[in-house]
Amino acid sequence: MEDFNRGYVLSKNCPSRAVLNHLTSRWGTLVMIVLRQGTKRFSEIRREIEGVSERMLTETLKQLEQDGMLVRKSFDTVPPHVEYTLTDYGMQAAEKIHHLVDWLEKNLEGILAQKAV
């Protein structure tokens, strides 16, 4: 692996690029917002994020787990019970995403007005 400098996400070889893509993907951002509220079951996450398919949610959760952003805990019950919780890094990332979303919502009216011009 080639050396990289912190903040060199613009390099195609920077490993942070894949993690950034997962965090800022269509569903990744929304999953992080939901899990910032606390541990959730798969069905709870799916219910909270309107429009996400079971397949896409599964894929997104798997990517975020591989990136170390969340932990998946299975319970040996019938029916199967799986919970997802943010790791420390996941919570830090979720806080940053929360601030961006908060900024967006506070400024949405002005942003949309600019878009219409």
Foldseek 3Di string as FASTA:
>chain_A
DDDDDPPVLVDPPDPVVLVVCLCPPPCNVLLLLVQLVDKDWLVVSPVVDPPDDSVNSVVSLVSCVVVQQWDWDWDPDVVTTIMIHGDPVNNVSSVVSVVVVVVCVVCVVVVVVVVVD
